[in-house]
PDB file of N, CA and C in Angstrom:
ATOM      1  N   MET A   1       0.848  -1.178   0.000  1.00  0.00           N
ATOM      2  CA  MET A   1       0.000   0.000   0.000  1.00  0.00           C
ATOM      3  C   MET A   1       0.886   1.230   0.000  1.00  0.00           C
ATOM      4  N   THR A   2       0.535   2.203  -0.803  1.00  0.00           N
ATOM      5  CA  THR A   2       1.268   3.457  -0.775  1.00  0.00           C
ATOM      6  C   THR A   2       0.593   4.400   0.187  1.00  0.00           C
ATOM      7  N   ASN A   3       1.341   5.329   0.711  1.00  0.00           N
ATOM      8  CA  ASN A   3       0.784   6.312   1.633  1.00  0.00           C
ATOM      9  C   ASN A   3       0.053   7.376   0.832  1.00  0.00           C
ATOM     10  N   THR A   4      -1.254   7.342   0.843  1.00  0.00           N
ATOM     11  CA  THR A   4      -2.044   8.280   0.057  1.00  0.00           C
ATOM     12  C   THR A   4      -2.461   9.497   0.857  1.00  0.00           C
ATOM     13  N   ALA A   5      -2.222   9.514   2.151  1.00  0.00           N
ATOM     14  CA  ALA A   5      -2.688  10.624   2.992  1.00  0.00           C
ATOM     15  C   ALA A   5      -2.140  11.952   2.512  1.00  0.00           C
ATOM     16  N   ASP A   6      -0.887  12.000   2.108  1.00  0.00           N
ATOM     17  CA  ASP A   6      -0.288  13.250   1.664  1.00  0.00           C
ATOM     18  C   ASP A   6      -0.715  13.635   0.253  1.00  0.00           C
ATOM     19  N   GLN A   7      -1.279  12.705  -0.507  1.00  0.00           N
ATOM     20  CA  GLN A   7      -1.649  12.947  -1.885  1.00  0.00           C
ATOM     21  C   GLN A   7      -3.121  13.333  -2.046  1.00  0.00           C
ATOM     22  N   ARG A   8      -3.904  13.272  -1.001  1.00  0.00           N
ATOM     23  CA  ARG A   8      -5.342  13.523  -1.106  1.00  0.00           C
ATOM     24  C   ARG A   8      -5.637  14.988  -1.374  1.00  0.00           C
ATOM     25  N   LYS A   9      -6.576  15.213  -2.289  1.00  0.00           N
ATOM     26  CA  LYS A   9      -7.012  16.573  -2.605  1.00  0.00           C
ATOM     27  C   LYS A   9      -8.259  16.954  -1.817  1.00  0.00           C
ATOM     28  N   HIS A  10      -8.998  15.950  -1.327  1.00  0.00           N
ATOM     29  CA  HIS A  10     -10.282  16.178  -0.669  1.00  0.00           C
ATOM     30  C   HIS A  10     -10.294  15.499   0.702  1.00  0.00           C
ATOM     31  N   PRO A  11     -10.927  16.133   1.699  1.00  0.00           N
ATOM     32  CA  PRO A  11     -11.043  15.472   3.006  1.00  0.00           C
ATOM     33  C   PRO A  11     -11.940  14.250   2.917  1.00  0.00           C
ATOM     34  N   ARG A  12     -11.633  13.237   3.732  1.00  0.00           N
ATOM     35  CA  ARG A  12     -12.439  12.018   3.766  1.00  0.00           C
ATOM     36  C   ARG A  12     -13.351  12.045   4.977  1.00  0.00           C
ATOM     37  N   TYR A  13     -14.524  11.435   4.818  1.00  0.00           N
ATOM     38  CA  TYR A  13     -15.519  11.388   5.874  1.00  0.00           C
ATOM     39  C   TYR A  13     -15.880   9.942   6.145  1.00  0.00           C
ATOM     40  N   GLU A  14     -15.816   9.542   7.425  1.00  0.00           N
ATOM     41  CA  GLU A  14     -16.227   8.202   7.810  1.00  0.00           C
ATOM     42  C   GLU A  14     -17.742   8.143   7.842  1.00  0.00           C
ATOM     43  N   LEU A  15     -18.295   7.012   7.446  1.00  0.00           N
ATOM     44  CA  LEU A  15     -19.737   6.885   7.387  1.00  0.00           C
ATOM     45  C   LEU A  15     -20.119   5.423   7.374  1.00  0.00           C
ATOM     46  N   GLU A  16     -21.392   5.175   7.562  1.00  0.00           N
ATOM     47  CA  GLU A  16     -21.947   3.836   7.422  1.00  0.00           C
ATOM     48  C   GLU A  16     -22.752   3.834   6.129  1.00  0.00           C
ATOM     49  N   ALA A  17     -22.147   3.366   5.054  1.00  0.00           N
ATOM     50  CA  ALA A  17     -22.807   3.320   3.760  1.00  0.00           C
ATOM     51  C   ALA A  17     -22.285   2.120   2.990  1.00  0.00           C
ATOM     52  N   PHE A  18     -22.973   1.790   1.910  1.00  0.00           N
ATOM     53  CA  PHE A  18     -22.629   0.615   1.127  1.00  0.00           C
ATOM     54  C   PHE A  18     -22.622   0.944  -0.356  1.00  0.00           C
ATOM     55  N   VAL A  19     -21.881   0.141  -1.115  1.00  0.00           N
ATOM     56  CA  VAL A  19     -21.749   0.352  -2.550  1.00  0.00           C
ATOM     57  C   VAL A  19     -21.869  -0.995  -3.255  1.00  0.00           C
ATOM     58  N   ASP A  20     -22.492  -0.983  -4.422  1.00  0.00           N
ATOM     59  CA  ASP A  20     -22.456  -2.138  -5.316  1.00  0.00           C
ATOM     60  C   ASP A  20     -21.247  -1.930  -6.213  1.00  0.00           C
ATOM     61  N   TYR A  21     -20.490  -2.982  -6.441  1.00  0.00           N
ATOM     62  CA  TYR A  21     -19.175  -2.866  -7.040  1.00  0.00           C
ATOM     63  C   TYR A  21     -18.992  -3.934  -8.108  1.00  0.00           C
ATOM     64  N   THR A  22     -18.492  -3.531  -9.269  1.00  0.00           N
ATOM     65  CA  THR A  22     -18.177  -4.482 -10.322  1.00  0.00           C
ATOM     66  C   THR A  22     -16.731  -4.301 -10.746  1.00  0.00           C
ATOM     67  N   GLY A  23     -15.943  -5.323 -10.545  1.00  0.00           N
ATOM     68  CA  GLY A  23     -14.559  -5.380 -11.008  1.00  0.00           C
ATOM     69  C   GLY A  23     -14.400  -6.759 -11.622  1.00  0.00           C
ATOM     70  N   ARG A  24     -13.504  -7.569 -11.062  1.00  0.00           N
ATOM     71  CA  ARG A  24     -13.429  -8.972 -11.489  1.00  0.00           C
ATOM     72  C   ARG A  24     -14.668  -9.723 -11.040  1.00  0.00           C
ATOM     73  N   GLU A  25     -15.263  -9.250  -9.944  1.00  0.00           N
ATOM     74  CA  GLU A  25     -16.470  -9.865  -9.394  1.00  0.00           C
ATOM     75  C   GLU A  25     -17.585  -8.818  -9.366  1.00  0.00           C
ATOM     76  N   PHE A  26     -18.803  -9.272  -9.213  1.00  0.00           N
ATOM     77  CA  PHE A  26     -19.922  -8.375  -8.970  1.00  0.00           C
ATOM     78  C   PHE A  26     -20.302  -8.545  -7.506  1.00  0.00           C
ATOM     79  N   LEU A  27     -20.167  -7.493  -6.740  1.00  0.00           N
ATOM     80  CA  LEU A  27     -20.404  -7.568  -5.304  1.00  0.00           C
ATOM     81  C   LEU A  27     -21.460  -6.551  -4.898  1.00  0.00           C
ATOM     82  N   LEU A  28     -22.404  -6.978  -4.084  1.00  0.00           N
ATOM     83  CA  LEU A  28     -23.459  -6.108  -3.596  1.00  0.00           C
ATOM     84  C   LEU A  28     -23.197  -5.726  -2.149  1.00  0.00           C
ATOM     85  N   ASN A  29     -23.586  -4.523  -1.814  1.00  0.00           N
ATOM     86  CA  ASN A  29     -23.551  -4.045  -0.426  1.00  0.00           C
ATOM     87  C   ASN A  29     -22.182  -4.177   0.236  1.00  0.00           C
ATOM     88  N   ARG A  30     -21.151  -3.730  -0.428  1.00  0.00           N
ATOM     89  CA  ARG A  30     -19.829  -3.650   0.185  1.00  0.00           C
ATOM     90  C   ARG A  30     -19.795  -2.421   1.068  1.00  0.00           C
ATOM     91  N   ARG A  31     -19.207  -2.552   2.236  1.00  0.00           N
ATOM     92  CA  ARG A  31     -19.163  -1.432   3.179  1.00  0.00           C
ATOM     93  C   ARG A  31     -18.164  -0.379   2.711  1.00  0.00           C
ATOM     94  N   ILE A  32     -18.597   0.875   2.710  1.00  0.00           N
ATOM     95  CA  ILE A  32     -17.714   2.008   2.454  1.00  0.00           C
ATOM     96  C   ILE A  32     -17.200   2.464   3.808  1.00  0.00           C
ATOM     97  N   TYR A  33     -15.892   2.515   3.971  1.00  0.00           N
ATOM     98  CA  TYR A  33     -15.316   2.963   5.236  1.00  0.00           C
ATOM     99  C   TYR A  33     -15.222   4.475   5.297  1.00  0.00           C
ATOM    100  N   ASP A  34     -14.825   5.078   4.192  1.00  0.00           N
ATOM    101  CA  ASP A  34     -14.824   6.535   4.121  1.00  0.00           C
ATOM    102  C   ASP A  34     -14.938   6.954   2.668  1.00  0.00           C
ATOM    103  N   ILE A  35     -15.323   8.224   2.485  1.00  0.00           N
ATOM    104  CA  ILE A  35     -15.584   8.734   1.140  1.00  0.00           C
ATOM    105  C   ILE A  35     -15.184  10.196   1.084  1.00  0.00           C
ATOM    106  N   SER A  36     -14.827  10.647  -0.115  1.00  0.00           N
ATOM    107  CA  SER A  36     -14.525  12.050  -0.370  1.00  0.00           C
ATOM    108  C   SER A  36     -15.031  12.377  -1.770  1.00  0.00           C
ATOM    109  N   LEU A  37     -14.828  13.601  -2.190  1.00  0.00           N
ATOM    110  CA  LEU A  37     -15.188  13.965  -3.562  1.00  0.00           C
ATOM    111  C   LEU A  37     -14.315  13.243  -4.576  1.00  0.00           C
ATOM    112  N   GLY A  38     -13.163  12.739  -4.136  1.00  0.00           N
ATOM    113  CA  GLY A  38     -12.232  12.101  -5.061  1.00  0.00           C
ATOM    114  C   GLY A  38     -12.243  10.589  -5.075  1.00  0.00           C
ATOM    115  N   GLY A  39     -12.841   9.959  -4.048  1.00  0.00           N
ATOM    116  CA  GLY A  39     -12.829   8.515  -4.019  1.00  0.00           C
ATOM    117  C   GLY A  39     -13.360   7.945  -2.725  1.00  0.00           C
ATOM    118  N   LEU A  40     -13.161   6.639  -2.545  1.00  0.00           N
ATOM    119  CA  LEU A  40     -13.648   5.971  -1.347  1.00  0.00           C
ATOM    120  C   LEU A  40     -12.739   4.810  -0.988  1.00  0.00           C
ATOM    121  N   ARG A  41     -12.912   4.328   0.234  1.00  0.00           N
ATOM    122  CA  ARG A  41     -12.194   3.152   0.733  1.00  0.00           C
ATOM    123  C   ARG A  41     -13.231   2.106   1.079  1.00  0.00           C
ATOM    124  N   LEU A  42     -13.012   0.870   0.622  1.00  0.00           N
ATOM    125  CA  LEU A  42     -13.959  -0.198   0.901  1.00  0.00           C
ATOM    126  C   LEU A  42     -13.231  -1.507   1.144  1.00  0.00           C
ATOM    127  N   GLN A  43     -13.983  -2.477   1.628  1.00  0.00           N
ATOM    128  CA  GLN A  43     -13.474  -3.822   1.859  1.00  0.00           C
ATOM    129  C   GLN A  43     -14.203  -4.764   0.913  1.00  0.00           C
ATOM    130  N   THR A  44     -13.466  -5.670   0.292  1.00  0.00           N
ATOM    131  CA  THR A  44     -14.057  -6.626  -0.639  1.00  0.00           C
ATOM    132  C   THR A  44     -13.633  -8.037  -0.255  1.00  0.00           C
ATOM    133  N   SER A  45     -14.241  -9.013  -0.885  1.00  0.00           N
ATOM    134  CA  SER A  45     -13.838 -10.388  -0.628  1.00  0.00           C
ATOM    135  C   SER A  45     -12.517 -10.706  -1.319  1.00  0.00           C
ATOM    136  N   GLU A  46     -12.201  -9.966  -2.387  1.00  0.00           N
ATOM    137  CA  GLU A  46     -10.934 -10.146  -3.099  1.00  0.00           C
ATOM    138  C   GLU A  46     -10.493  -8.797  -3.650  1.00  0.00           C
ATOM    139  N   VAL A  47      -9.282  -8.370  -3.325  1.00  0.00           N
ATOM    140  CA  VAL A  47      -8.814  -7.062  -3.784  1.00  0.00           C
ATOM    141  C   VAL A  47      -8.420  -7.121  -5.252  1.00  0.00           C
ATOM    142  N   GLU A  48      -8.624  -6.002  -5.923  1.00  0.00           N
ATOM    143  CA  GLU A  48      -8.259  -5.859  -7.331  1.00  0.00           C
ATOM    144  C   GLU A  48      -6.819  -5.363  -7.440  1.00  0.00           C
ATOM    145  N   GLU A  49      -6.258  -5.452  -8.606  1.00  0.00           N
ATOM    146  CA  GLU A  49      -4.930  -4.917  -8.856  1.00  0.00           C
ATOM    147  C   GLU A  49      -5.011  -3.397  -8.986  1.00  0.00           C
ATOM    148  N   VAL A  50      -3.983  -2.711  -8.513  1.00  0.00           N
ATOM    149  CA  VAL A  50      -3.908  -1.256  -8.658  1.00  0.00           C
ATOM    150  C   VAL A  50      -3.974  -0.915 -10.145  1.00  0.00           C
ATOM    151  N   GLY A  51      -4.794   0.076 -10.470  1.00  0.00           N
ATOM    152  CA  GLY A  51      -4.976   0.496 -11.852  1.00  0.00           C
ATOM    153  C   GLY A  51      -6.202  -0.092 -12.530  1.00  0.00           C
ATOM    154  N   ARG A  52      -6.810  -1.142 -11.952  1.00  0.00           N
ATOM    155  CA  ARG A  52      -7.989  -1.765 -12.566  1.00  0.00           C
ATOM    156  C   ARG A  52      -9.173  -0.813 -12.491  1.00  0.00           C
ATOM    157  N   GLU A  53      -9.901  -0.697 -13.590  1.00  0.00           N
ATOM    158  CA  GLU A  53     -11.120   0.112 -13.612  1.00  0.00           C
ATOM    159  C   GLU A  53     -12.268  -0.695 -13.040  1.00  0.00           C
ATOM    160  N   VAL A  54     -13.129  -0.011 -12.287  1.00  0.00           N
ATOM    161  CA  VAL A  54     -14.275  -0.647 -11.652  1.00  0.00           C
ATOM    162  C   VAL A  54     -15.506   0.234 -11.842  1.00  0.00           C
ATOM    163  N   ASP A  55     -16.666  -0.376 -11.745  1.00  0.00           N
ATOM    164  CA  ASP A  55     -17.943   0.334 -11.789  1.00  0.00           C
ATOM    165  C   ASP A  55     -18.530   0.338 -10.390  1.00  0.00           C
ATOM    166  N   LEU A  56     -19.061   1.490  -9.977  1.00  0.00           N
ATOM    167  CA  LEU A  56     -19.612   1.659  -8.637  1.00  0.00           C
ATOM    168  C   LEU A  56     -21.035   2.188  -8.726  1.00  0.00           C
ATOM    169  N   VAL A  57     -21.891   1.716  -7.849  1.00  0.00           N
ATOM    170  CA  VAL A  57     -23.233   2.268  -7.668  1.00  0.00           C
ATOM    171  C   VAL A  57     -23.372   2.561  -6.179  1.00  0.00           C
ATOM    172  N   ILE A  58     -23.376   3.851  -5.848  1.00  0.00           N
ATOM    173  CA  ILE A  58     -23.439   4.276  -4.445  1.00  0.00           C
ATOM    174  C   ILE A  58     -24.856   4.741  -4.152  1.00  0.00           C
ATOM    175  N   SER A  59     -25.446   4.197  -3.097  1.00  0.00           N
ATOM    176  CA  SER A  59     -26.799   4.593  -2.686  1.00  0.00           C
ATOM    177  C   SER A  59     -26.709   5.524  -1.488  1.00  0.00           C
ATOM    178  N   PHE A  60     -27.435   6.629  -1.571  1.00  0.00           N
ATOM    179  CA  PHE A  60     -27.524   7.582  -0.471  1.00  0.00           C
ATOM    180  C   PHE A  60     -28.969   7.617   0.012  1.00  0.00           C
ATOM    181  N   PRO A  61     -29.334   6.760   0.973  1.00  0.00           N
ATOM    182  CA  PRO A  61     -30.729   6.689   1.426  1.00  0.00           C
ATOM    183  C   PRO A  61     -31.256   8.033   1.927  1.00  0.00           C
ATOM    184  N   ASP A  62     -30.403   8.828   2.597  1.00  0.00           N
ATOM    185  CA  ASP A  62     -30.853  10.119   3.131  1.00  0.00           C
ATOM    186  C   ASP A  62     -31.273  11.085   2.022  1.00  0.00           C
ATOM    187  N   LEU A  63     -30.693  10.937   0.834  1.00  0.00           N
ATOM    188  CA  LEU A  63     -31.002  11.822  -0.286  1.00  0.00           C
ATOM    189  C   LEU A  63     -31.977  11.190  -1.266  1.00  0.00           C
ATOM    190  N   ASP A  64     -32.316   9.921  -1.047  1.00  0.00           N
ATOM    191  CA  ASP A  64     -33.124   9.164  -1.989  1.00  0.00           C
ATOM    192  C   ASP A  64     -32.502   9.250  -3.379  1.00  0.00           C
ATOM    193  N   ALA A  65     -31.176   9.010  -3.435  1.00  0.00           N
ATOM    194  CA  ALA A  65     -30.441   9.138  -4.683  1.00  0.00           C
ATOM    195  C   ALA A  65     -29.430   8.005  -4.828  1.00  0.00           C
ATOM    196  N   VAL A  66     -29.118   7.717  -6.079  1.00  0.00           N
ATOM    197  CA  VAL A  66     -28.115   6.719  -6.426  1.00  0.00           C
ATOM    198  C   VAL A  66     -27.157   7.366  -7.412  1.00  0.00           C
ATOM    199  N   ILE A  67     -25.858   7.097  -7.221  1.00  0.00           N
ATOM    200  CA  ILE A  67     -24.846   7.630  -8.125  1.00  0.00           C
ATOM    201  C   ILE A  67     -24.107   6.459  -8.756  1.00  0.00           C
ATOM    202  N   GLU A  68     -24.022   6.457 -10.082  1.00  0.00           N
ATOM    203  CA  GLU A  68     -23.232   5.467 -10.799  1.00  0.00           C
ATOM    204  C   GLU A  68     -21.945   6.143 -11.238  1.00  0.00           C
ATOM    205  N   LEU A  69     -20.814   5.542 -10.877  1.00  0.00           N
ATOM    206  CA  LEU A  69     -19.508   6.126 -11.167  1.00  0.00           C
ATOM    207  C   LEU A  69     -18.542   5.077 -11.691  1.00  0.00           C
ATOM    208  N   LYS A  70     -17.581   5.538 -12.439  1.00  0.00           N
ATOM    209  CA  LYS A  70     -16.421   4.733 -12.806  1.00  0.00           C
ATOM    210  C   LYS A  70     -15.322   5.062 -11.812  1.00  0.00           C
ATOM    211  N   GLY A  71     -14.496   4.089 -11.531  1.00  0.00           N
ATOM    212  CA  GLY A  71     -13.383   4.310 -10.629  1.00  0.00           C
ATOM    213  C   GLY A  71     -12.169   3.528 -11.057  1.00  0.00           C
ATOM    214  N   GLU A  72     -11.082   3.776 -10.360  1.00  0.00           N
ATOM    215  CA  GLU A  72      -9.840   3.066 -10.603  1.00  0.00           C
ATOM    216  C   GLU A  72      -9.216   2.728  -9.256  1.00  0.00           C
ATOM    217  N   VAL A  73      -8.735   1.512  -9.112  1.00  0.00           N
ATOM    218  CA  VAL A  73      -8.095   1.108  -7.865  1.00  0.00           C
ATOM    219  C   VAL A  73      -6.809   1.915  -7.711  1.00  0.00           C
ATOM    220  N   ALA A  74      -6.750   2.725  -6.647  1.00  0.00           N
ATOM    221  CA  ALA A  74      -5.592   3.581  -6.398  1.00  0.00           C
ATOM    222  C   ALA A  74      -4.570   2.892  -5.504  1.00  0.00           C
ATOM    223  N   TRP A  75      -5.050   2.066  -4.573  1.00  0.00           N
ATOM    224  CA  TRP A  75      -4.171   1.332  -3.670  1.00  0.00           C
ATOM    225  C   TRP A  75      -4.928   0.137  -3.105  1.00  0.00           C
ATOM    226  N   LYS A  76      -4.179  -0.798  -2.566  1.00  0.00           N
ATOM    227  CA  LYS A  76      -4.778  -1.971  -1.927  1.00  0.00           C
ATOM    228  C   LYS A  76      -3.905  -2.369  -0.755  1.00  0.00           C
ATOM    229  N   LYS A  77      -4.508  -3.040   0.214  1.00  0.00           N
ATOM    230  CA  LYS A  77      -3.772  -3.592   1.345  1.00  0.00           C
ATOM    231  C   LYS A  77      -3.640  -5.090   1.138  1.00  0.00           C
ATOM    232  N   ASP A  78      -2.428  -5.559   1.242  1.00  0.00           N
ATOM    233  CA  ASP A  78      -2.158  -6.986   1.098  1.00  0.00           C
ATOM    234  C   ASP A  78      -1.963  -7.665   2.451  1.00  0.00           C
ATOM    235  N   ASP A  79      -2.518  -7.074   3.505  1.00  0.00           N
ATOM    236  CA  ASP A  79      -2.295  -7.590   4.858  1.00  0.00           C
ATOM    237  C   ASP A  79      -3.437  -8.465   5.370  1.00  0.00           C
ATOM    238  N   GLY A  80      -4.330  -8.873   4.495  1.00  0.00           N
ATOM    239  CA  GLY A  80      -5.452  -9.708   4.908  1.00  0.00           C
ATOM    240  C   GLY A  80      -6.725  -8.927   5.197  1.00  0.00           C
ATOM    241  N   SER A  81      -6.647  -7.588   5.269  1.00  0.00           N
ATOM    242  CA  SER A  81      -7.849  -6.795   5.547  1.00  0.00           C
ATOM    243  C   SER A  81      -8.730  -6.639   4.313  1.00  0.00           C
ATOM    244  N   ARG A  82      -8.182  -6.891   3.132  1.00  0.00           N
ATOM    245  CA  ARG A  82      -8.908  -6.818   1.855  1.00  0.00           C
ATOM    246  C   ARG A  82      -9.512  -5.441   1.615  1.00  0.00           C
ATOM    247  N   GLU A  83      -8.773  -4.383   1.967  1.00  0.00           N
ATOM    248  CA  GLU A  83      -9.216  -3.011   1.727  1.00  0.00           C
ATOM    249  C   GLU A  83      -8.589  -2.470   0.456  1.00  0.00           C
ATOM    250  N   MET A  84      -9.351  -1.589  -0.206  1.00  0.00           N
ATOM    251  CA  MET A  84      -8.863  -0.919  -1.411  1.00  0.00           C
ATOM    252  C   MET A  84      -9.306   0.535  -1.378  1.00  0.00           C
ATOM    253  N   GLY A  85      -8.526   1.371  -2.003  1.00  0.00           N
ATOM    254  CA  GLY A  85      -8.908   2.751  -2.242  1.00  0.00           C
ATOM    255  C   GLY A  85      -9.283   2.897  -3.699  1.00  0.00           C
ATOM    256  N   ILE A  86     -10.441   3.471  -3.959  1.00  0.00           N
ATOM    257  CA  ILE A  86     -10.926   3.663  -5.319  1.00  0.00           C
ATOM    258  C   ILE A  86     -10.955   5.161  -5.618  1.00  0.00           C
ATOM    259  N   ARG A  87     -10.304   5.569  -6.690  1.00  0.00           N
ATOM    260  CA  ARG A  87     -10.319   6.955  -7.147  1.00  0.00           C
ATOM    261  C   ARG A  87     -11.417   7.093  -8.202  1.00  0.00           C
ATOM    262  N   PHE A  88     -12.323   8.063  -8.004  1.00  0.00           N
ATOM    263  CA  PHE A  88     -13.388   8.294  -8.976  1.00  0.00           C
ATOM    264  C   PHE A  88     -12.800   8.845 -10.272  1.00  0.00           C
ATOM    265  N   LYS A  89     -13.408   8.445 -11.405  1.00  0.00           N
ATOM    266  CA  LYS A  89     -12.964   8.911 -12.715  1.00  0.00           C
ATOM    267  C   LYS A  89     -14.142   9.534 -13.455  1.00  0.00           C
ATOM    268  N   ASN A  90     -13.886  10.648 -14.116  1.00  0.00           N
ATOM    269  CA  ASN A  90     -14.880  11.282 -14.997  1.00  0.00           C
ATOM    270  C   ASN A  90     -16.228  11.487 -14.306  1.00  0.00           C
ATOM    271  N   VAL A  91     -16.217  12.133 -13.161  1.00  0.00           N
ATOM    272  CA  VAL A  91     -17.451  12.382 -12.407  1.00  0.00           C
ATOM    273  C   VAL A  91     -18.240  13.483 -13.107  1.00  0.00           C
ATOM    274  N   GLY A  92     -19.497  13.208 -13.420  1.00  0.00           N
ATOM    275  CA  GLY A  92     -20.363  14.184 -14.070  1.00  0.00           C
ATOM    276  C   GLY A  92     -20.825  15.260 -13.095  1.00  0.00           C
ATOM    277  N   ILE A  93     -21.411  16.304 -13.633  1.00  0.00           N
ATOM    278  CA  ILE A  93     -21.872  17.440 -12.822  1.00  0.00           C
ATOM    279  C   ILE A  93     -22.935  16.996 -11.822  1.00  0.00           C
ATOM    280  N   LYS A  94     -23.906  16.218 -12.273  1.00  0.00           N
ATOM    281  CA  LYS A  94     -24.982  15.754 -11.389  1.00  0.00           C
ATOM    282  C   LYS A  94     -24.419  14.905 -10.256  1.00  0.00           C
ATOM    283  N   GLU A  95     -23.524  13.983 -10.586  1.00  0.00           N
ATOM    284  CA  GLU A  95     -22.938  13.106  -9.585  1.00  0.00           C
ATOM    285  C   GLU A  95     -22.089  13.901  -8.594  1.00  0.00           C
ATOM    286  N   HIS A  96     -21.336  14.873  -9.115  1.00  0.00           N
ATOM    287  CA  HIS A  96     -20.503  15.715  -8.250  1.00  0.00           C
ATOM    288  C   HIS A  96     -21.371  16.497  -7.254  1.00  0.00           C
ATOM    289  N   ARG A  97     -22.485  17.042  -7.727  1.00  0.00           N
ATOM    290  CA  ARG A  97     -23.391  17.784  -6.838  1.00  0.00           C
ATOM    291  C   ARG A  97     -23.980  16.887  -5.765  1.00  0.00           C
ATOM    292  N   LEU A  98     -24.391  15.682  -6.133  1.00  0.00           N
ATOM    293  CA  LEU A  98     -24.944  14.755  -5.139  1.00  0.00           C
ATOM    294  C   LEU A  98     -23.894  14.367  -4.106  1.00  0.00           C
ATOM    295  N   LEU A  99     -22.670  14.126  -4.551  1.00  0.00           N
ATOM    296  CA  LEU A  99     -21.595  13.829  -3.601  1.00  0.00           C
ATOM    297  C   LEU A  99     -21.372  14.999  -2.655  1.00  0.00           C
ATOM    298  N   GLN A 100     -21.327  16.215  -3.188  1.00  0.00           N
ATOM    299  CA  GLN A 100     -21.143  17.395  -2.347  1.00  0.00           C
ATOM    300  C   GLN A 100     -22.258  17.513  -1.321  1.00  0.00           C
ATOM    301  N   GLU A 101     -23.496  17.341  -1.777  1.00  0.00           N
ATOM    302  CA  GLU A 101     -24.645  17.454  -0.874  1.00  0.00           C
ATOM    303  C   GLU A 101     -24.573  16.405   0.231  1.00  0.00           C
ATOM    304  N   TYR A 102     -24.226  15.179  -0.131  1.00  0.00           N
ATOM    305  CA  TYR A 102     -24.138  14.127   0.875  1.00  0.00           C
ATOM    306  C   TYR A 102     -23.010  14.400   1.862  1.00  0.00           C
ATOM    307  N   LEU A 103     -21.855  14.817   1.371  1.00  0.00           N
ATOM    308  CA  LEU A 103     -20.726  15.068   2.251  1.00  0.00           C
ATOM    309  C   LEU A 103     -20.999  16.226   3.198  1.00  0.00           C
ATOM    310  N   LYS A 104     -21.788  17.202   2.783  1.00  0.00           N
ATOM    311  CA  LYS A 104     -22.181  18.282   3.697  1.00  0.00           C
ATOM    312  C   LYS A 104     -22.998  17.722   4.863  1.00  0.00           C
ATOM    313  N   ARG A 105     -23.836  16.740   4.569  1.00  0.00           N
ATOM    314  CA  ARG A 105     -24.691  16.154   5.623  1.00  0.00           C
ATOM    315  C   ARG A 105     -23.889  15.328   6.614  1.00  0.00           C
ATOM    316  N   VAL A 106     -22.847  14.619   6.137  1.00  0.00           N
ATOM    317  CA  VAL A 106     -22.106  13.739   7.028  1.00  0.00           C
ATOM    318  C   VAL A 106     -20.930  14.444   7.723  1.00  0.00           C
ATOM    319  N   SER A 107     -20.612  15.656   7.290  1.00  0.00           N
ATOM    320  CA  SER A 107     -19.459  16.355   7.899  1.00  0.00           C
ATOM    321  C   SER A 107     -19.840  17.023   9.203  1.00  0.00           C
TER     322      SER A 107
END
């Protein structure tokens, strides 16, 4: 795992939320540990290789909204925790606004 703390452009917020994730596997309701405007950290049953593109569907029950995003694996932990950092790619205006609105609520 690389140290991404110094490279982050956006603050991260801890929360209890879940994401549907498609990479090598299709996984439902993966726990999101933290999220920012630039990406998220989650735990999976099998970590992807750094650089792999993934599809994400994030549900925000408080907003009654769903965001579909593309992402890229930015880092992974090989220590048995099966955590990965996903960097969002090509976030649209609507998705960016929903992320901003949600992060205001959880901050």
